[in-house]
């Protein structure tokens, strides 16, 4: 509705400017073009008009809700991926520690047999 009012005002100002230019040859024929920025400021900056022009529609609310759900899902997936990466790093560290311990035990056993 707001966009319709704006575009009707814009077309009207162009038409009025064209009529004024055809009737008079003065520089004032461009004066009706000032309606365009005035309408924009009134409708989109100052938000003049009925409240229902500025309340979100059911479609907009649903779209916003879906976007929030999508963002939450991405956050959950990122958190899960981070947990999995941390678990893998911990497993690698455990495997490395076990390998080091096994090598140490083997070296101690070999050195015991060399002495004996």
N, C-alpha and C. Protein backbone atom coordinates (compact mmCIF):
# COMPACT_ATOMS: atom_id res chain seq x y z
N UNK A 1 0.82 -1.18 0.00
CA UNK A 1 0.00 0.00 0.00
C UNK A 1 0.87 1.25 0.00
N UNK A 2 1.88 1.22 0.85
CA UNK A 2 2.79 2.35 0.95
C UNK A 2 3.52 2.57 -0.37
N UNK A 3 4.01 1.49 -0.97
CA UNK A 3 4.71 1.60 -2.25
C UNK A 3 3.75 2.07 -3.34
N UNK A 4 2.51 1.62 -3.30
CA UNK A 4 1.52 2.07 -4.27
C UNK A 4 1.28 3.57 -4.19
N UNK A 5 1.15 4.07 -2.97
CA UNK A 5 0.97 5.52 -2.78
C UNK A 5 2.19 6.27 -3.31
N UNK A 6 3.37 5.74 -3.00
CA UNK A 6 4.60 6.41 -3.45
C UNK A 6 4.67 6.45 -4.98
N UNK A 7 4.42 5.31 -5.64
CA UNK A 7 4.53 5.27 -7.09
C UNK A 7 3.42 6.06 -7.78
N UNK A 8 2.23 6.07 -7.21
CA UNK A 8 1.17 6.91 -7.77
C UNK A 8 1.53 8.38 -7.66
N UNK A 9 2.08 8.75 -6.53
CA UNK A 9 2.54 10.14 -6.35
C UNK A 9 3.66 10.49 -7.31
N UNK A 10 4.56 9.54 -7.53
CA UNK A 10 5.67 9.78 -8.46
C UNK A 10 5.15 9.97 -9.88
N UNK A 11 4.28 9.07 -10.32
CA UNK A 11 3.71 9.20 -11.67
C UNK A 11 2.90 10.49 -11.80
N UNK A 12 2.15 10.80 -10.75
CA UNK A 12 1.38 12.05 -10.77
C UNK A 12 2.25 13.27 -10.86
N UNK A 13 3.37 13.26 -10.16
CA UNK A 13 4.26 14.42 -10.21
C UNK A 13 4.92 14.55 -11.59
N UNK A 14 5.27 13.42 -12.22
CA UNK A 14 5.80 13.49 -13.59
C UNK A 14 4.74 14.03 -14.56
N UNK A 15 3.52 13.54 -14.39
CA UNK A 15 2.43 14.01 -15.26
C UNK A 15 2.18 15.49 -15.04
N UNK A 16 2.13 15.90 -13.79
CA UNK A 16 1.90 17.32 -13.49
C UNK A 16 3.04 18.18 -14.01
N UNK A 17 4.25 17.66 -13.91
CA UNK A 17 5.40 18.39 -14.42
C UNK A 17 5.32 18.51 -15.94
N UNK A 18 4.90 17.44 -16.61
CA UNK A 18 4.76 17.48 -18.07
C UNK A 18 3.67 18.45 -18.50
N UNK A 19 2.54 18.44 -17.79
CA UNK A 19 1.44 19.37 -18.11
C UNK A 19 1.89 20.80 -17.86
N UNK A 20 2.57 21.04 -16.75
CA UNK A 20 3.03 22.40 -16.43
C UNK A 20 4.06 22.86 -17.46
N UNK A 21 4.90 21.94 -17.95
CA UNK A 21 5.89 22.30 -18.96
C UNK A 21 5.24 22.62 -20.29
N UNK A 22 4.15 21.92 -20.61
CA UNK A 22 3.45 22.16 -21.88
C UNK A 22 2.67 23.47 -21.83
N UNK A 23 2.11 23.80 -20.68
CA UNK A 23 1.29 25.01 -20.56
C UNK A 23 2.17 26.25 -20.44
N UNK A 24 3.20 26.17 -19.60
CA UNK A 24 4.09 27.32 -19.41
C UNK A 24 5.50 26.94 -19.81
N UNK A 25 6.26 27.92 -20.17
CA UNK A 25 7.64 27.66 -20.55
C UNK A 25 8.61 28.11 -19.46
N UNK A 26 8.09 28.35 -18.27
CA UNK A 26 8.96 28.82 -17.19
C UNK A 26 9.67 27.63 -16.52
N UNK A 27 10.63 27.92 -15.72
CA UNK A 27 11.40 26.89 -15.01
C UNK A 27 10.63 26.26 -13.88
N UNK A 28 9.43 26.78 -13.59
CA UNK A 28 8.64 26.24 -12.49
C UNK A 28 7.95 24.92 -12.84
N UNK A 29 8.09 24.47 -14.09
CA UNK A 29 7.44 23.22 -14.49
C UNK A 29 8.08 22.01 -13.80
N UNK A 30 9.31 22.14 -13.30
CA UNK A 30 9.98 21.04 -12.60
C UNK A 30 9.63 21.02 -11.12
N UNK A 31 8.92 22.03 -10.65
CA UNK A 31 8.57 22.12 -9.23
C UNK A 31 7.75 20.93 -8.74
N UNK A 32 6.80 20.39 -9.52
CA UNK A 32 6.05 19.22 -9.03
C UNK A 32 6.93 17.98 -8.78
N UNK A 33 8.14 17.94 -9.35
CA UNK A 33 9.02 16.80 -9.11
C UNK A 33 9.50 16.74 -7.66
N UNK A 34 9.35 17.83 -6.93
CA UNK A 34 9.71 17.82 -5.51
C UNK A 34 8.76 16.95 -4.69
N UNK A 35 7.64 16.58 -5.29
CA UNK A 35 6.70 15.69 -4.60
C UNK A 35 7.35 14.33 -4.35
N UNK A 36 8.20 13.87 -5.26
CA UNK A 36 8.80 12.54 -5.16
C UNK A 36 9.63 12.39 -3.88
N UNK A 37 10.64 13.23 -3.65
CA UNK A 37 11.40 13.05 -2.39
C UNK A 37 10.56 13.33 -1.15
N UNK A 38 9.58 14.23 -1.29
CA UNK A 38 8.71 14.51 -0.16
C UNK A 38 7.91 13.27 0.22
N UNK A 39 7.34 12.60 -0.78
CA UNK A 39 6.59 11.38 -0.52
C UNK A 39 7.48 10.30 0.09
N UNK A 40 8.69 10.17 -0.44
CA UNK A 40 9.61 9.16 0.08
C UNK A 40 9.90 9.41 1.56
N UNK A 41 10.21 10.66 1.88
CA UNK A 41 10.52 11.00 3.28
C UNK A 41 9.32 10.75 4.17
N UNK A 42 8.14 11.17 3.72
CA UNK A 42 6.95 11.00 4.53
C UNK A 42 6.60 9.52 4.75
N UNK A 43 6.69 8.72 3.69
CA UNK A 43 6.26 7.33 3.78
C UNK A 43 7.30 6.38 4.36
N UNK A 44 8.58 6.60 4.04
CA UNK A 44 9.61 5.63 4.42
C UNK A 44 10.51 6.09 5.55
N UNK A 45 10.60 7.38 5.78
CA UNK A 45 11.44 7.86 6.87
C UNK A 45 10.58 8.24 8.07
N UNK A 46 9.59 9.09 7.85
CA UNK A 46 8.75 9.54 8.95
C UNK A 46 7.61 8.56 9.24
N UNK A 47 7.38 7.62 8.33
CA UNK A 47 6.36 6.58 8.47
C UNK A 47 4.98 7.15 8.75
N UNK A 48 4.58 8.09 7.91
CA UNK A 48 3.26 8.68 8.00
C UNK A 48 2.27 7.73 7.34
N UNK A 49 1.15 7.50 7.95
CA UNK A 49 0.13 6.63 7.41
C UNK A 49 -0.41 5.71 8.47
N UNK A 50 -1.35 4.85 8.10
CA UNK A 50 -1.93 3.93 9.07
C UNK A 50 -0.90 2.93 9.60
N UNK A 51 -1.14 2.46 10.80
CA UNK A 51 -0.21 1.53 11.45
C UNK A 51 -0.06 0.23 10.67
N UNK A 52 -1.12 -0.23 10.01
CA UNK A 52 -1.03 -1.51 9.29
C UNK A 52 -0.06 -1.44 8.12
N UNK A 53 0.30 -0.25 7.66
CA UNK A 53 1.30 -0.13 6.61
C UNK A 53 2.68 -0.51 7.12
N UNK A 54 2.88 -0.43 8.42
CA UNK A 54 4.21 -0.62 8.99
C UNK A 54 4.31 -1.85 9.87
N UNK A 55 3.22 -2.57 10.08
CA UNK A 55 3.29 -3.81 10.84
C UNK A 55 3.63 -4.94 9.87
N UNK A 56 4.46 -5.88 10.30
CA UNK A 56 4.86 -6.95 9.38
C UNK A 56 3.67 -7.87 9.08
N UNK A 57 3.64 -8.38 7.88
CA UNK A 57 2.59 -9.30 7.46
C UNK A 57 2.87 -10.68 8.04
N UNK A 58 1.88 -11.55 7.93
CA UNK A 58 2.05 -12.93 8.41
C UNK A 58 3.18 -13.60 7.63
N UNK A 59 3.27 -13.32 6.34
CA UNK A 59 4.32 -13.89 5.51
C UNK A 59 5.70 -13.42 5.98
N UNK A 60 5.82 -12.13 6.30
CA UNK A 60 7.11 -11.60 6.77
C UNK A 60 7.46 -12.21 8.12
N UNK A 61 6.48 -12.33 9.02
CA UNK A 61 6.74 -12.93 10.32
C UNK A 61 7.17 -14.39 10.17
N UNK A 62 6.51 -15.13 9.28
CA UNK A 62 6.86 -16.53 9.06
C UNK A 62 8.27 -16.65 8.46
N UNK A 63 8.60 -15.77 7.52
CA UNK A 63 9.94 -15.77 6.92
C UNK A 63 11.00 -15.49 7.99
N UNK A 64 10.72 -14.52 8.85
CA UNK A 64 11.66 -14.18 9.92
C UNK A 64 11.83 -15.36 10.88
N UNK A 65 10.71 -16.06 11.19
CA UNK A 65 10.78 -17.21 12.08
C UNK A 65 11.60 -18.33 11.45
N UNK A 66 11.40 -18.58 10.15
CA UNK A 66 12.19 -19.61 9.45
C UNK A 66 13.67 -19.26 9.44
N UNK A 67 13.98 -17.98 9.24
CA UNK A 67 15.39 -17.57 9.25
C UNK A 67 16.00 -17.79 10.63
N UNK A 68 15.25 -17.49 11.68
CA UNK A 68 15.76 -17.72 13.04
C UNK A 68 15.98 -19.21 13.30
N UNK A 69 15.05 -20.04 12.84
CA UNK A 69 15.21 -21.48 13.00
C UNK A 69 16.43 -21.97 12.23
N UNK A 70 16.62 -21.45 11.01
CA UNK A 70 17.77 -21.84 10.20
C UNK A 70 19.07 -21.43 10.89
N UNK A 71 19.09 -20.23 11.46
CA UNK A 71 20.30 -19.77 12.16
C UNK A 71 20.57 -20.65 13.37
N UNK A 72 19.51 -20.99 14.10
CA UNK A 72 19.69 -21.86 15.27
C UNK A 72 20.20 -23.24 14.86
N UNK A 73 19.67 -23.77 13.75
CA UNK A 73 20.15 -25.07 13.27
C UNK A 73 21.62 -25.00 12.88
N UNK A 74 22.01 -23.92 12.22
CA UNK A 74 23.41 -23.76 11.84
C UNK A 74 24.30 -23.66 13.07
N UNK A 75 23.82 -22.96 14.09
CA UNK A 75 24.60 -22.85 15.33
C UNK A 75 24.75 -24.21 15.99
N UNK A 76 23.66 -24.98 16.01
CA UNK A 76 23.71 -26.32 16.61
C UNK A 76 24.67 -27.21 15.83
N UNK A 77 24.60 -27.15 14.49
CA UNK A 77 25.50 -27.95 13.66
C UNK A 77 26.95 -27.53 13.86
N UNK A 78 27.19 -26.23 13.96
CA UNK A 78 28.56 -25.75 14.19
C UNK A 78 29.06 -26.19 15.55
N UNK A 79 28.20 -26.13 16.55
CA UNK A 79 28.59 -26.57 17.89
C UNK A 79 28.90 -28.07 17.89
N UNK A 80 28.06 -28.83 17.21
CA UNK A 80 28.29 -30.28 17.13
C UNK A 80 29.59 -30.59 16.39
N UNK A 81 29.84 -29.88 15.30
CA UNK A 81 31.09 -30.09 14.54
C UNK A 81 32.30 -29.74 15.41
N UNK A 82 32.17 -28.71 16.22
CA UNK A 82 33.26 -28.32 17.12
C UNK A 82 33.48 -29.42 18.17
N UNK A 83 32.40 -29.96 18.71
CA UNK A 83 32.52 -31.05 19.69
C UNK A 83 33.19 -32.27 19.07
N UNK A 84 32.78 -32.61 17.85
CA UNK A 84 33.37 -33.77 17.17
C UNK A 84 34.86 -33.54 16.92
N UNK A 85 35.21 -32.34 16.49
CA UNK A 85 36.63 -32.03 16.26
C UNK A 85 37.41 -32.11 17.56
N UNK A 86 36.83 -31.63 18.65
CA UNK A 86 37.52 -31.71 19.95
C UNK A 86 37.68 -33.15 20.39
N UNK A 87 36.64 -34.00 20.17
CA UNK A 87 36.74 -35.41 20.52
C UNK A 87 37.81 -36.12 19.69
N UNK A 88 37.88 -35.79 18.40
CA UNK A 88 38.91 -36.39 17.54
C UNK A 88 40.31 -35.99 18.00
N UNK A 89 40.46 -34.72 18.35
CA UNK A 89 41.77 -34.26 18.83
C UNK A 89 42.14 -34.98 20.12
N UNK A 90 41.14 -35.16 21.00
CA UNK A 90 41.40 -35.86 22.26
C UNK A 90 41.77 -37.32 21.99
N UNK A 91 41.08 -37.96 21.06
CA UNK A 91 41.41 -39.36 20.70
C UNK A 91 42.81 -39.46 20.13
N UNK A 92 43.17 -38.52 19.26
CA UNK A 92 44.53 -38.53 18.70
C UNK A 92 45.57 -38.40 19.81
N UNK A 93 45.28 -37.53 20.76
CA UNK A 93 46.21 -37.35 21.87
C UNK A 93 46.30 -38.62 22.71
N UNK A 94 45.17 -39.28 22.95
CA UNK A 94 45.18 -40.53 23.71
C UNK A 94 45.95 -41.62 22.97
N UNK A 95 45.73 -41.72 21.66
CA UNK A 95 46.44 -42.72 20.85
C UNK A 95 47.93 -42.42 20.88
N UNK A 96 48.27 -41.16 20.75
CA UNK A 96 49.70 -40.78 20.80
C UNK A 96 50.31 -41.14 22.15
N UNK A 97 49.58 -40.88 23.22
CA UNK A 97 50.08 -41.20 24.56
C UNK A 97 50.22 -42.71 24.74
N UNK A 98 49.24 -43.46 24.26
CA UNK A 98 49.33 -44.92 24.36
C UNK A 98 50.49 -45.47 23.53
N UNK A 99 50.69 -44.89 22.36
CA UNK A 99 51.81 -45.32 21.51
C UNK A 99 53.14 -45.03 22.21
N UNK A 100 53.25 -43.84 22.78
CA UNK A 100 54.47 -43.47 23.50
C UNK A 100 54.70 -44.41 24.68
N UNK A 101 53.63 -44.71 25.44
CA UNK A 101 53.76 -45.62 26.58
C UNK A 101 54.17 -47.02 26.11
N UNK A 102 53.59 -47.50 25.02
CA UNK A 102 53.93 -48.84 24.50
C UNK A 102 55.38 -48.89 24.04
N UNK A 103 55.84 -47.84 23.38
CA UNK A 103 57.24 -47.80 22.94
C UNK A 103 58.17 -47.78 24.15
N UNK A 104 57.81 -47.04 25.18
CA UNK A 104 58.64 -47.00 26.40
C UNK A 104 58.70 -48.37 27.07
N UNK A 105 57.56 -49.05 27.15
CA UNK A 105 57.55 -50.39 27.76
C UNK A 105 58.41 -51.33 26.92
N UNK A 106 58.29 -51.26 25.61
CA UNK A 106 59.09 -52.12 24.74
C UNK A 106 60.57 -51.82 24.90
N UNK A 107 60.94 -50.55 24.99
CA UNK A 107 62.35 -50.20 25.17
C UNK A 107 62.86 -50.69 26.52
N UNK A 108 62.05 -50.59 27.55
CA UNK A 108 62.48 -51.07 28.86
C UNK A 108 62.66 -52.59 28.85
N UNK A 109 61.75 -53.28 28.17
CA UNK A 109 61.85 -54.74 28.09
C UNK A 109 63.09 -55.15 27.32
N UNK A 110 63.35 -54.47 26.19
CA UNK A 110 64.54 -54.79 25.38
C UNK A 110 65.79 -54.48 26.18
N UNK A 111 65.82 -53.38 26.88
CA UNK A 111 67.03 -53.04 27.65
C UNK A 111 67.21 -54.00 28.81
N UNK A 112 66.15 -54.57 29.37
CA UNK A 112 66.26 -55.54 30.45
C UNK A 112 66.85 -56.85 29.93
N UNK A 113 66.42 -57.26 28.71
CA UNK A 113 66.98 -58.48 28.12
C UNK A 113 68.43 -58.31 27.73
N UNK A 114 68.79 -57.05 27.33
CA UNK A 114 70.19 -56.81 26.96
C UNK A 114 71.10 -56.92 28.17
N UNK A 115 70.63 -56.50 29.31
CA UNK A 115 71.43 -56.57 30.55
C UNK A 115 71.53 -58.00 31.03
N UNK A 116 70.53 -58.75 30.85
CA UNK A 116 70.45 -60.09 31.41
C UNK A 116 71.00 -61.14 30.59
